Structures are given as structure tokens and as C-alpha cells.
N, C-alpha and C. Protein backbone atom coordinates (compact mmCIF):
# COMPACT_ATOMS: atom_id res chain seq x y z
N MET A 1 19.36 -5.59 -7.54
CA MET A 1 19.81 -6.19 -6.36
C MET A 1 19.49 -7.08 -5.65
N LYS A 2 20.11 -8.58 -6.12
CA LYS A 2 19.79 -9.87 -5.52
C LYS A 2 20.51 -10.13 -4.45
N MET A 3 19.93 -10.71 -3.55
CA MET A 3 20.43 -11.20 -2.68
C MET A 3 20.96 -12.80 -2.29
N THR A 4 21.16 -13.54 -1.87
CA THR A 4 21.07 -15.21 -1.56
C THR A 4 19.86 -15.14 -0.82
N GLU A 5 19.18 -16.43 -1.19
CA GLU A 5 18.05 -16.76 -0.61
C GLU A 5 18.30 -16.76 0.84
N GLU A 6 19.31 -17.04 1.48
CA GLU A 6 19.28 -17.45 2.55
C GLU A 6 19.40 -16.21 3.35
N LYS A 7 19.82 -14.99 3.23
CA LYS A 7 19.75 -13.69 3.46
C LYS A 7 18.75 -12.89 2.95
N GLN A 8 17.78 -12.99 2.15
CA GLN A 8 16.55 -12.74 2.07
C GLN A 8 15.39 -13.51 3.15
N THR A 9 15.75 -14.58 3.30
CA THR A 9 14.98 -15.44 4.53
C THR A 9 15.11 -14.84 5.80
N GLU A 10 16.31 -14.26 6.27
CA GLU A 10 16.98 -13.64 7.67
C GLU A 10 16.35 -11.83 7.32
N GLU A 11 16.52 -11.53 6.51
CA GLU A 11 16.06 -10.32 6.28
C GLU A 11 14.57 -10.26 6.62
N GLU A 12 13.79 -11.46 5.81
CA GLU A 12 12.13 -11.22 6.10
C GLU A 12 12.06 -11.69 7.64
N GLN A 13 12.62 -12.07 7.93
CA GLN A 13 12.49 -12.69 9.14
C GLN A 13 12.18 -11.53 10.45
N HIS A 14 12.80 -10.38 10.08
CA HIS A 14 12.86 -9.65 10.80
C HIS A 14 12.30 -8.06 10.31
N ILE A 15 11.41 -8.56 9.58
CA ILE A 15 10.25 -7.34 9.13
C ILE A 15 9.10 -7.49 9.50
N ASP A 16 8.35 -6.56 10.30
CA ASP A 16 7.03 -6.43 10.92
C ASP A 16 6.47 -5.50 10.13
N LEU A 17 5.64 -6.29 9.07
CA LEU A 17 4.95 -5.60 7.68
C LEU A 17 3.70 -4.65 8.83
N GLN A 18 3.10 -5.01 9.89
CA GLN A 18 2.08 -4.45 10.43
C GLN A 18 2.72 -3.17 10.94
N LYS A 19 4.08 -3.21 11.00
CA LYS A 19 4.56 -1.99 12.01
C LYS A 19 4.81 -0.97 10.62
N ILE A 20 5.44 -1.45 9.85
CA ILE A 20 5.26 -0.43 8.30
C ILE A 20 4.14 0.02 7.73
N ARG A 21 2.97 -0.73 8.11
CA ARG A 21 1.76 -0.47 7.71
C ARG A 21 1.35 0.75 8.20
N GLU A 22 1.58 0.83 9.76
CA GLU A 22 1.31 1.93 10.62
C GLU A 22 2.07 3.12 10.02
N THR A 23 3.75 3.04 9.84
CA THR A 23 4.27 3.90 9.58
C THR A 23 3.76 4.71 8.39
N PHE A 24 3.46 4.02 7.17
CA PHE A 24 2.87 4.69 5.80
C PHE A 24 1.44 4.87 5.99
N ALA A 25 0.69 4.92 7.14
CA ALA A 25 -0.62 4.79 7.25
C ALA A 25 -0.89 6.69 7.21
N LYS A 26 0.46 7.18 7.29
CA LYS A 26 0.79 8.46 7.34
C LYS A 26 0.64 9.18 6.06
N ASP A 27 1.21 8.15 5.19
CA ASP A 27 1.21 8.67 3.71
C ASP A 27 -0.44 8.52 3.12
N ARG A 28 -1.18 9.73 3.43
CA ARG A 28 -2.69 10.10 3.87
C ARG A 28 -3.33 10.15 2.31
N PHE A 29 -2.53 10.47 1.31
CA PHE A 29 -3.27 10.47 -0.07
C PHE A 29 -3.03 8.99 -0.66
N ALA A 30 -2.23 8.63 -0.18
CA ALA A 30 -2.09 7.28 -1.17
C ALA A 30 -3.03 6.48 -0.15
N THR A 31 -2.70 6.30 1.02
CA THR A 31 -3.80 5.20 1.86
C THR A 31 -5.14 5.49 1.95
N GLU A 32 -5.45 6.81 1.56
CA GLU A 32 -6.80 7.17 1.62
C GLU A 32 -7.48 6.94 0.29
N ASN A 33 -6.84 6.69 -1.02
CA ASN A 33 -6.95 6.31 -2.14
C ASN A 33 -6.80 4.93 -2.01
N GLY A 34 -6.96 3.86 -1.11
CA GLY A 34 -6.88 2.94 -0.93
C GLY A 34 -5.52 1.83 -1.38
N ALA A 35 -4.35 2.65 -1.32
CA ALA A 35 -3.23 1.98 -1.31
C ALA A 35 -2.39 0.93 0.08
N ILE A 36 -2.48 -0.20 -0.26
CA ILE A 36 -2.03 -1.09 0.65
C ILE A 36 -0.60 -1.92 0.27
N ILE A 37 0.31 -1.86 1.38
CA ILE A 37 1.58 -2.52 1.60
C ILE A 37 0.98 -4.24 1.31
N GLU A 38 1.77 -4.70 0.64
CA GLU A 38 1.18 -6.63 0.73
C GLU A 38 2.85 -6.81 0.85
N GLU A 39 3.56 -6.73 0.62
CA GLU A 39 5.22 -7.39 0.85
C GLU A 39 6.33 -6.33 0.83
N VAL A 40 7.46 -6.46 1.58
CA VAL A 40 8.60 -5.70 1.98
C VAL A 40 9.72 -6.49 2.14
N ARG A 41 10.91 -6.14 1.48
CA ARG A 41 12.36 -6.80 1.76
C ARG A 41 13.04 -5.86 1.10
N LYS A 42 14.32 -5.93 1.50
CA LYS A 42 15.18 -5.05 1.28
C LYS A 42 15.58 -4.53 -0.36
N HIS A 43 15.26 -3.37 -0.88
CA HIS A 43 14.98 -2.98 -2.17
C HIS A 43 13.88 -3.83 -2.84
N TYR A 44 12.86 -3.67 -2.17
CA TYR A 44 11.78 -4.30 -2.90
C TYR A 44 10.27 -4.07 -2.16
N ALA A 45 9.45 -3.84 -2.55
CA ALA A 45 8.10 -3.65 -1.95
C ALA A 45 6.82 -3.91 -3.20
N ARG A 46 5.82 -4.22 -2.73
CA ARG A 46 4.69 -4.73 -3.39
C ARG A 46 3.63 -4.00 -3.01
N CYS A 47 2.87 -3.22 -3.54
CA CYS A 47 1.54 -2.50 -2.99
C CYS A 47 0.98 -2.60 -3.99
N SER A 48 -0.59 -2.28 -3.44
CA SER A 48 -1.65 -2.43 -4.44
C SER A 48 -3.01 -1.55 -4.24
N ILE A 49 -3.85 -1.34 -5.09
CA ILE A 49 -4.91 -0.72 -4.85
C ILE A 49 -6.04 -1.46 -5.45
N GLU A 50 -7.30 -1.73 -4.79
CA GLU A 50 -8.67 -2.46 -5.38
C GLU A 50 -9.27 -1.12 -5.96
N LEU A 51 -9.64 -1.42 -6.90
CA LEU A 51 -10.04 -0.13 -8.00
C LEU A 51 -11.62 -0.38 -7.24
N THR A 52 -12.17 1.24 -7.17
CA THR A 52 -13.54 1.92 -6.99
C THR A 52 -13.94 2.29 -8.17
N GLU A 53 -15.12 3.58 -7.77
CA GLU A 53 -15.75 4.16 -8.83
C GLU A 53 -14.74 5.46 -8.62
N ARG A 54 -14.26 6.00 -7.54
CA ARG A 54 -13.52 6.90 -7.34
C ARG A 54 -12.36 6.99 -8.15
N HIS A 55 -11.77 6.18 -8.73
CA HIS A 55 -10.29 5.92 -9.25
C HIS A 55 -10.83 5.95 -11.03
N PHE A 56 -11.94 5.99 -11.53
CA PHE A 56 -12.06 6.05 -12.88
C PHE A 56 -12.45 7.83 -13.50
N ASN A 57 -11.82 7.52 -14.80
CA ASN A 57 -12.10 9.19 -15.20
C ASN A 57 -13.31 8.91 -16.04
N ALA A 58 -13.38 10.12 -16.47
CA ALA A 58 -14.87 10.56 -17.36
C ALA A 58 -15.34 9.84 -18.52
N ALA A 59 -14.03 9.19 -19.19
CA ALA A 59 -14.23 8.17 -20.22
C ALA A 59 -14.20 6.84 -20.05
N GLY A 60 -14.25 6.62 -18.63
CA GLY A 60 -14.47 5.31 -17.88
C GLY A 60 -13.18 4.29 -17.89
N GLY A 61 -12.23 5.27 -17.95
CA GLY A 61 -10.79 4.48 -17.66
C GLY A 61 -10.17 4.75 -16.32
N VAL A 62 -9.06 3.98 -16.05
CA VAL A 62 -8.77 4.37 -14.92
C VAL A 62 -7.67 5.45 -14.61
N MET A 63 -8.11 6.70 -13.99
CA MET A 63 -7.24 7.83 -14.11
C MET A 63 -5.73 7.50 -13.90
N GLY A 64 -5.07 7.90 -14.78
CA GLY A 64 -3.51 8.10 -14.90
C GLY A 64 -2.98 8.55 -13.72
N GLY A 65 -3.71 9.26 -12.72
CA GLY A 65 -2.95 9.79 -11.55
C GLY A 65 -2.58 8.20 -10.65
N VAL A 66 -3.65 7.57 -10.84
CA VAL A 66 -4.12 6.51 -9.63
C VAL A 66 -2.65 5.60 -10.07
N HIS A 67 -2.22 5.48 -11.30
CA HIS A 67 -0.89 4.35 -11.62
C HIS A 67 0.49 5.02 -10.80
N PHE A 68 0.32 6.29 -10.98
CA PHE A 68 1.49 6.87 -10.62
C PHE A 68 1.40 7.07 -9.16
N VAL A 69 0.23 7.33 -8.44
CA VAL A 69 0.07 7.35 -6.85
C VAL A 69 0.78 6.28 -6.24
N LEU A 70 0.25 4.85 -6.85
CA LEU A 70 0.20 3.68 -6.63
C LEU A 70 2.16 3.15 -6.46
N ALA A 71 2.27 3.62 -7.74
CA ALA A 71 4.00 3.80 -7.95
C ALA A 71 4.98 4.47 -7.22
N ASP A 72 4.69 5.54 -6.83
CA ASP A 72 5.65 6.32 -6.24
C ASP A 72 5.32 6.26 -4.84
N PHE A 73 3.90 5.61 -4.12
CA PHE A 73 4.09 5.38 -2.89
C PHE A 73 4.95 4.02 -2.73
N THR A 74 5.00 2.82 -3.64
CA THR A 74 5.33 1.39 -3.41
C THR A 74 7.08 2.15 -3.31
N PHE A 75 7.42 2.81 -4.50
CA PHE A 75 8.77 3.42 -3.87
C PHE A 75 9.29 3.86 -2.92
N ALA A 76 8.27 4.71 -2.48
CA ALA A 76 8.62 5.13 -0.84
C ALA A 76 8.44 4.10 0.19
N VAL A 77 7.98 3.38 -0.05
CA VAL A 77 8.11 1.76 0.92
C VAL A 77 8.90 1.12 0.44
N ALA A 78 9.85 1.18 -0.53
CA ALA A 78 10.70 0.27 -0.87
C ALA A 78 12.08 0.76 -0.20
N THR A 79 11.98 1.92 -0.50
CA THR A 79 13.14 2.65 0.14
C THR A 79 12.98 3.72 1.64
N ASN A 80 12.04 3.45 1.89
CA ASN A 80 12.19 3.86 3.25
C ASN A 80 11.40 3.00 4.42
N TRP A 81 11.20 1.77 4.31
CA TRP A 81 10.36 0.88 5.22
C TRP A 81 11.43 0.93 6.34
N ASN A 82 12.68 0.75 6.25
CA ASN A 82 13.26 0.94 7.73
C ASN A 82 13.75 1.85 7.98
N GLY A 83 13.34 3.07 8.08
CA GLY A 83 13.82 4.69 8.34
C GLY A 83 13.78 5.07 6.99
N MET A 84 12.90 6.67 6.98
CA MET A 84 12.82 7.50 6.46
C MET A 84 14.19 8.18 5.96
N GLY A 85 14.15 8.63 4.93
CA GLY A 85 15.64 9.29 4.49
C GLY A 85 15.59 9.55 3.02
N VAL A 86 15.15 8.60 1.98
CA VAL A 86 14.99 9.07 0.77
C VAL A 86 13.58 9.48 0.12
N VAL A 87 13.98 10.43 -0.82
CA VAL A 87 12.84 11.42 -1.05
C VAL A 87 13.32 11.31 -2.84
N SER A 88 11.92 11.14 -3.70
CA SER A 88 12.20 11.03 -5.04
C SER A 88 12.90 12.37 -5.65
N LEU A 89 13.68 12.27 -6.55
CA LEU A 89 14.18 13.89 -7.05
C LEU A 89 13.25 13.36 -8.68
N SER A 90 13.10 12.57 -9.61
CA SER A 90 12.55 12.45 -10.75
C SER A 90 11.67 11.01 -11.00
N SER A 91 10.97 11.07 -11.55
CA SER A 91 10.00 9.72 -12.10
C SER A 91 9.66 10.31 -13.41
N THR A 92 9.61 8.83 -14.41
CA THR A 92 8.96 8.92 -15.70
C THR A 92 8.11 8.04 -15.64
N ILE A 93 7.11 8.31 -16.21
CA ILE A 93 5.90 6.74 -16.58
C ILE A 93 5.54 6.62 -17.52
N SER A 94 5.54 5.31 -18.25
CA SER A 94 5.04 4.90 -19.43
C SER A 94 3.97 3.94 -19.24
N TYR A 95 2.94 4.37 -19.78
CA TYR A 95 1.33 3.88 -19.73
C TYR A 95 1.70 2.83 -20.67
N LEU A 96 1.52 1.49 -20.40
CA LEU A 96 1.57 0.52 -21.29
C LEU A 96 0.13 -0.14 -21.94
N GLY A 97 -0.93 -0.16 -21.33
CA GLY A 97 -2.40 -0.70 -21.53
C GLY A 97 -3.28 -0.16 -20.37
N ALA A 98 -4.50 -0.51 -21.04
CA ALA A 98 -5.59 -0.56 -20.17
C ALA A 98 -5.77 -1.36 -19.64
N VAL A 99 -6.56 -0.94 -17.95
CA VAL A 99 -6.57 -1.85 -16.72
C VAL A 99 -7.77 -2.65 -17.45
N LYS A 100 -7.68 -4.03 -16.89
CA LYS A 100 -8.86 -4.54 -17.52
C LYS A 100 -9.15 -5.61 -16.09
N GLY A 101 -8.75 -5.65 -14.92
CA GLY A 101 -8.79 -6.05 -13.99
C GLY A 101 -9.72 -5.20 -12.80
N LYS A 102 -9.67 -5.55 -11.54
CA LYS A 102 -10.20 -4.93 -10.72
C LYS A 102 -9.46 -4.25 -9.39
N LYS A 103 -8.11 -4.52 -9.65
CA LYS A 103 -6.74 -4.32 -9.00
C LYS A 103 -5.79 -3.77 -9.62
N LEU A 104 -4.99 -2.74 -9.30
CA LEU A 104 -3.88 -2.83 -9.60
C LEU A 104 -2.48 -3.25 -8.50
N ILE A 105 -1.78 -3.24 -8.94
CA ILE A 105 -0.60 -3.86 -8.55
C ILE A 105 0.99 -3.59 -9.03
N ALA A 106 1.61 -2.73 -7.57
CA ALA A 106 3.00 -1.68 -8.45
C ALA A 106 3.89 -3.04 -7.57
N GLU A 107 5.24 -3.25 -8.30
CA GLU A 107 6.36 -3.79 -7.40
C GLU A 107 7.37 -3.17 -8.07
N ALA A 108 8.16 -2.38 -6.78
CA ALA A 108 9.29 -1.65 -6.76
C ALA A 108 10.97 -2.61 -6.79
N GLU A 109 11.61 -2.40 -7.65
CA GLU A 109 12.88 -2.94 -7.09
C GLU A 109 14.17 -1.95 -7.61
N CYS A 110 15.12 -1.90 -6.69
CA CYS A 110 16.41 -1.67 -6.93
C CYS A 110 17.06 -2.18 -7.90
N VAL A 111 17.41 -0.78 -8.81
CA VAL A 111 18.19 -1.29 -10.03
C VAL A 111 19.64 -0.89 -9.61
N LYS A 112 19.76 0.38 -9.00
CA LYS A 112 21.08 1.01 -8.74
C LYS A 112 21.11 1.57 -7.20
N GLU A 113 21.86 1.22 -6.24
CA GLU A 113 21.92 2.06 -5.23
C GLU A 113 23.36 2.25 -5.16
N GLY A 114 23.39 3.91 -4.90
CA GLY A 114 24.87 4.51 -4.77
C GLY A 114 24.82 4.99 -3.25
N ARG A 115 25.69 6.01 -3.14
CA ARG A 115 25.77 6.39 -1.86
C ARG A 115 24.66 7.71 -1.51
N SER A 116 24.64 8.50 -2.16
CA SER A 116 23.33 9.06 -2.14
C SER A 116 22.38 9.06 -3.04
N THR A 117 22.32 8.77 -3.88
CA THR A 117 20.95 8.47 -5.15
C THR A 117 21.07 6.75 -5.26
N VAL A 118 19.30 6.81 -5.57
CA VAL A 118 19.17 5.26 -5.71
C VAL A 118 18.12 5.56 -7.22
N TYR A 119 17.95 4.30 -7.68
CA TYR A 119 17.02 4.12 -9.10
C TYR A 119 16.29 2.76 -8.95
N TYR A 120 15.08 3.20 -9.09
CA TYR A 120 14.10 1.97 -8.86
C TYR A 120 13.44 1.96 -10.20
N ARG A 121 12.74 0.78 -10.58
CA ARG A 121 11.86 0.25 -11.91
C ARG A 121 10.73 -0.16 -10.57
N VAL A 122 9.68 0.46 -11.32
CA VAL A 122 8.60 0.21 -10.71
C VAL A 122 7.43 -0.03 -11.97
N ASN A 123 6.88 -1.80 -11.76
CA ASN A 123 6.31 -2.21 -12.74
C ASN A 123 4.76 -2.38 -12.21
N VAL A 124 3.90 -1.75 -12.88
CA VAL A 124 2.37 -1.82 -12.18
C VAL A 124 1.62 -2.59 -13.54
N THR A 125 0.89 -3.67 -12.74
CA THR A 125 0.23 -4.58 -13.36
C THR A 125 -0.89 -4.56 -12.63
N ASP A 126 -2.19 -5.03 -13.76
CA ASP A 126 -3.65 -5.34 -13.23
C ASP A 126 -3.72 -6.83 -12.47
N ASP A 127 -4.64 -7.69 -11.72
CA ASP A 127 -5.19 -8.62 -11.23
C ASP A 127 -5.09 -9.73 -11.96
N LEU A 128 -5.24 -9.37 -13.70
CA LEU A 128 -5.09 -10.29 -14.32
C LEU A 128 -3.60 -10.55 -14.89
N GLY A 129 -2.75 -9.43 -14.72
CA GLY A 129 -1.21 -9.74 -14.93
C GLY A 129 -0.70 -9.21 -16.19
N ASN A 130 -2.21 -7.96 -16.71
CA ASN A 130 -1.83 -7.36 -17.90
C ASN A 130 -0.89 -6.30 -17.28
N ARG A 131 0.10 -5.96 -18.37
CA ARG A 131 1.06 -5.10 -18.24
C ARG A 131 0.54 -3.44 -17.92
N ILE A 132 0.48 -2.71 -16.83
CA ILE A 132 -0.33 -1.38 -17.40
C ILE A 132 0.54 -0.17 -17.42
N ALA A 133 1.68 -0.36 -16.22
CA ALA A 133 2.55 1.14 -16.59
C ALA A 133 3.84 0.47 -16.35
N GLU A 134 4.98 1.28 -16.55
CA GLU A 134 6.36 1.23 -16.17
C GLU A 134 6.68 2.81 -15.75
N VAL A 135 7.17 2.61 -14.35
CA VAL A 135 7.89 3.99 -13.66
C VAL A 135 9.07 3.71 -13.50
N GLY A 136 9.88 4.67 -13.78
CA GLY A 136 11.88 4.57 -13.24
C GLY A 136 11.51 6.04 -12.62
N ILE A 137 12.28 5.86 -11.33
CA ILE A 137 12.23 6.75 -10.22
C ILE A 137 13.55 7.08 -9.46
N ASN A 138 14.15 8.27 -9.70
CA ASN A 138 15.33 8.44 -9.21
C ASN A 138 15.01 8.97 -7.88
N GLY A 139 15.95 8.50 -7.12
CA GLY A 139 15.63 9.17 -5.44
C GLY A 139 17.08 9.49 -4.92
N PHE A 140 17.06 10.65 -3.80
CA PHE A 140 17.98 11.02 -3.15
C PHE A 140 17.91 10.58 -1.73
N ARG A 141 19.18 10.06 -1.10
CA ARG A 141 19.04 9.64 0.28
C ARG A 141 19.60 10.39 1.07
N LYS A 142 18.81 11.28 1.86
CA LYS A 142 19.02 12.65 2.61
C LYS A 142 20.24 12.97 3.47
N ILE A 143 20.54 11.46 4.26
CA ILE A 143 21.56 10.97 4.73
C ILE A 143 22.51 10.17 3.91
N ALA A 144 23.39 10.34 3.30
CA ALA A 144 24.40 9.91 2.69
C ALA A 144 24.95 8.22 3.63
N GLN A 145 25.09 6.93 2.89
CA GLN A 145 25.84 6.09 3.48
C GLN A 145 27.16 5.85 3.08
């Protein structure tokens, strides 16, 4: 969903990123594992995790759950930053490559918004620009518009 540059600028001026971070600090599993909200606008969010020892599996790679937690959290932020009401119905993750950087970055973007359901694509990359995973998430809006 693309808005004109002028409307995006208006929308962005009214977004209080600190207030959104405070709201989502209650999403303790994601935030206590290092998820940070970097950017939010209508139908979009970008979040990241700086990788530490706790994020790695026994084989030395980043645990697959880290990718998913970050993607799910980013979806939650993109859909609920201006008021809670969207929950995920189903998610599909495809792992595309190994992490080579020191940070994971997820970007959630709305593909389809209906009256009561939404579909978002979440792309996960590392800080070197490598594509790590792609996640498709269907969501349900508890209060239909």
C-alpha cells in the first residue's frame, strides 16, 4: 500500500516513536531478546536485533526462532502501532540464507488490507544486506473497519 510522499510526510510527523516503543516494551519476549523498533509509518515497520551469544544454536548459526520472533514482532508493530486490534492468524517463513552480519533487520509491509483481515510480507536481512528470511503473515482485525 503506497501513499503519496506528501501524505507519508504528514503521517510521519504525527508518529511518536518513543511512545510506540514504550507501548511495545510490554511485548516482553521480543524486547527482552533484543528487538528494537527503528521506524514506523502507516502499513510499515522496521525493527532489528543486535545478535549476541544467546541468539546462536549449538551448530553456531543464529537460531531460526530469532528470525521468526523478529518478523512477528515487526508485524505486530506495523499493524498495531496506532492501537491494538490485529492478531496473527497464520505465518509462513522461508529461510533464504545464513546470517553473516551482526544484526538482523526486519521490514514489514502491507500487501493487502481488507475489512477484517490483512496480509503482510516481512523481509529479514542482516546488516550486510544479505536476505535471510521471508515471512508471510495473515492477520485478523478484532474490530472490523
